[in-house]
Amino acid sequence: MSVFSALRCLLNQHKPKRREVTWDGRTYVGHCRHCGIAIERRRRGSWRKREDQARRQEEAPTPT
């Protein structure tokens, strides 16, 4: 891993292993090609660390 790749990972700007990216029904998910952490696509070209599923459930609006 290059110094620039490590710096980008520390700044939460990851790059996916493209062959391993999948659709989970909500967003594209995969793993960073440099540090291996689980990531998700926020918008085109913007990959960030994947949030915990439980926390996502808590933050989701509840139907009334």
C-alpha atoms as a PDB file:
ATOM      1  CA  MET A   1       0.000   0.000   0.000  1.00  0.00           C
ATOM      2  CA  SER A   2       1.386   3.387  -0.929  1.00  0.00           C
ATOM      3  CA  VAL A   3       1.589   6.330   1.440  1.00  0.00           C
ATOM      4  CA  PHE A   4      -1.174   8.117  -0.452  1.00  0.00           C
ATOM      5  CA  SER A   5      -3.478   5.088  -0.271  1.00  0.00           C
ATOM      6  CA  ALA A   6      -2.931   4.822   3.477  1.00  0.00           C
ATOM      7  CA  LEU A   7      -3.646   8.528   3.899  1.00  0.00           C
ATOM      8  CA  ARG A   8      -6.879   8.267   1.892  1.00  0.00           C
ATOM      9  CA  CYS A   9      -8.012   5.334   4.048  1.00  0.00           C
ATOM     10  CA  LEU A  10      -7.261   7.311   7.211  1.00  0.00           C
ATOM     11  CA  LEU A  11      -9.424  10.125   5.800  1.00  0.00           C
ATOM     12  CA  ASN A  12     -12.254   7.621   5.082  1.00  0.00           C
ATOM     13  CA  GLN A  13     -11.873   7.882   1.286  1.00  0.00           C
ATOM     14  CA  HIS A  14     -11.658   4.247   0.247  1.00  0.00           C
ATOM     15  CA  LYS A  15     -11.445   2.493  -3.136  1.00  0.00           C
ATOM     16  CA  PRO A  16     -13.368  -0.768  -3.629  1.00  0.00           C
ATOM     17  CA  LYS A  17     -12.177  -4.121  -4.936  1.00  0.00           C
ATOM     18  CA  ARG A  18     -14.380  -3.750  -8.005  1.00  0.00           C
ATOM     19  CA  ARG A  19     -14.855  -7.453  -8.722  1.00  0.00           C
ATOM     20  CA  GLU A  20     -16.221  -8.002  -5.222  1.00  0.00           C
ATOM     21  CA  VAL A  21     -18.758  -5.136  -5.105  1.00  0.00           C
ATOM     22  CA  THR A  22     -22.352  -6.297  -4.657  1.00  0.00           C
ATOM     23  CA  TRP A  23     -25.801  -4.762  -4.302  1.00  0.00           C
ATOM     24  CA  ASP A  24     -27.428  -5.459  -0.909  1.00  0.00           C
ATOM     25  CA  GLY A  25     -30.871  -4.096  -1.785  1.00  0.00           C
ATOM     26  CA  ARG A  26     -30.091  -0.664  -0.387  1.00  0.00           C
ATOM     27  CA  THR A  27     -26.630   0.293  -1.651  1.00  0.00           C
ATOM     28  CA  TYR A  28     -23.465  -1.097  -3.191  1.00  0.00           C
ATOM     29  CA  VAL A  29     -21.133  -2.722  -0.663  1.00  0.00           C
ATOM     30  CA  GLY A  30     -17.646  -4.169  -0.797  1.00  0.00           C
ATOM     31  CA  HIS A  31     -14.208  -4.021   0.769  1.00  0.00           C
ATOM     32  CA  CYS A  32     -11.441  -1.452   0.365  1.00  0.00           C
ATOM     33  CA  ARG A  33      -8.682  -2.629  -1.950  1.00  0.00           C
ATOM     34  CA  HIS A  34      -6.024  -1.006   0.246  1.00  0.00           C
ATOM     35  CA  CYS A  35      -7.028  -1.611   3.885  1.00  0.00           C
ATOM     36  CA  GLY A  36      -9.721  -4.327   3.497  1.00  0.00           C
ATOM     37  CA  ILE A  37     -12.368  -2.578   5.631  1.00  0.00           C
ATOM     38  CA  ALA A  38     -16.078  -3.028   4.773  1.00  0.00           C
ATOM     39  CA  ILE A  39     -17.262  -0.023   2.727  1.00  0.00           C
ATOM     40  CA  GLU A  40     -20.429   1.211   1.035  1.00  0.00           C
ATOM     41  CA  ARG A  41     -21.045   3.606  -1.829  1.00  0.00           C
ATOM     42  CA  ARG A  42     -22.644   6.856  -0.676  1.00  0.00           C
ATOM     43  CA  ARG A  43     -22.850   8.352  -4.152  1.00  0.00           C
ATOM     44  CA  ARG A  44     -21.099   7.724  -7.425  1.00  0.00           C
ATOM     45  CA  GLY A  45     -17.358   7.592  -6.776  1.00  0.00           C
ATOM     46  CA  SER A  46     -17.729   8.153  -3.020  1.00  0.00           C
ATOM     47  CA  TRP A  47     -16.969   5.088  -0.895  1.00  0.00           C
ATOM     48  CA  ARG A  48     -17.036   5.317   2.900  1.00  0.00           C
ATOM     49  CA  LYS A  49     -16.665   2.960   5.857  1.00  0.00           C
ATOM     50  CA  ARG A  50     -19.798   0.845   6.208  1.00  0.00           C
ATOM     51  CA  GLU A  51     -21.969   1.719   9.174  1.00  0.00           C
ATOM     52  CA  ASP A  52     -23.103  -0.918  11.644  1.00  0.00           C
ATOM     53  CA  GLN A  53     -26.445  -2.480  10.666  1.00  0.00           C
ATOM     54  CA  ALA A  54     -27.888  -2.084  14.187  1.00  0.00           C
ATOM     55  CA  ARG A  55     -27.132   1.630  14.246  1.00  0.00           C
ATOM     56  CA  ARG A  56     -28.748   2.016  10.831  1.00  0.00           C
ATOM     57  CA  GLN A  57     -31.925   0.380  12.144  1.00  0.00           C
ATOM     58  CA  GLU A  58     -32.039   2.794  15.102  1.00  0.00           C
ATOM     59  CA  GLU A  59     -31.614   5.851  12.872  1.00  0.00           C
ATOM     60  CA  ALA A  60     -34.221   4.747  10.335  1.00  0.00           C
ATOM     61  CA  PRO A  61     -37.543   6.533  10.602  1.00  0.00           C
ATOM     62  CA  THR A  62     -40.295   4.398  12.082  1.00  0.00           C
ATOM     63  CA  PRO A  63     -43.589   4.141  10.198  1.00  0.00           C
ATOM     64  CA  THR A  64     -46.559   5.667  12.018  1.00  0.00           C
END
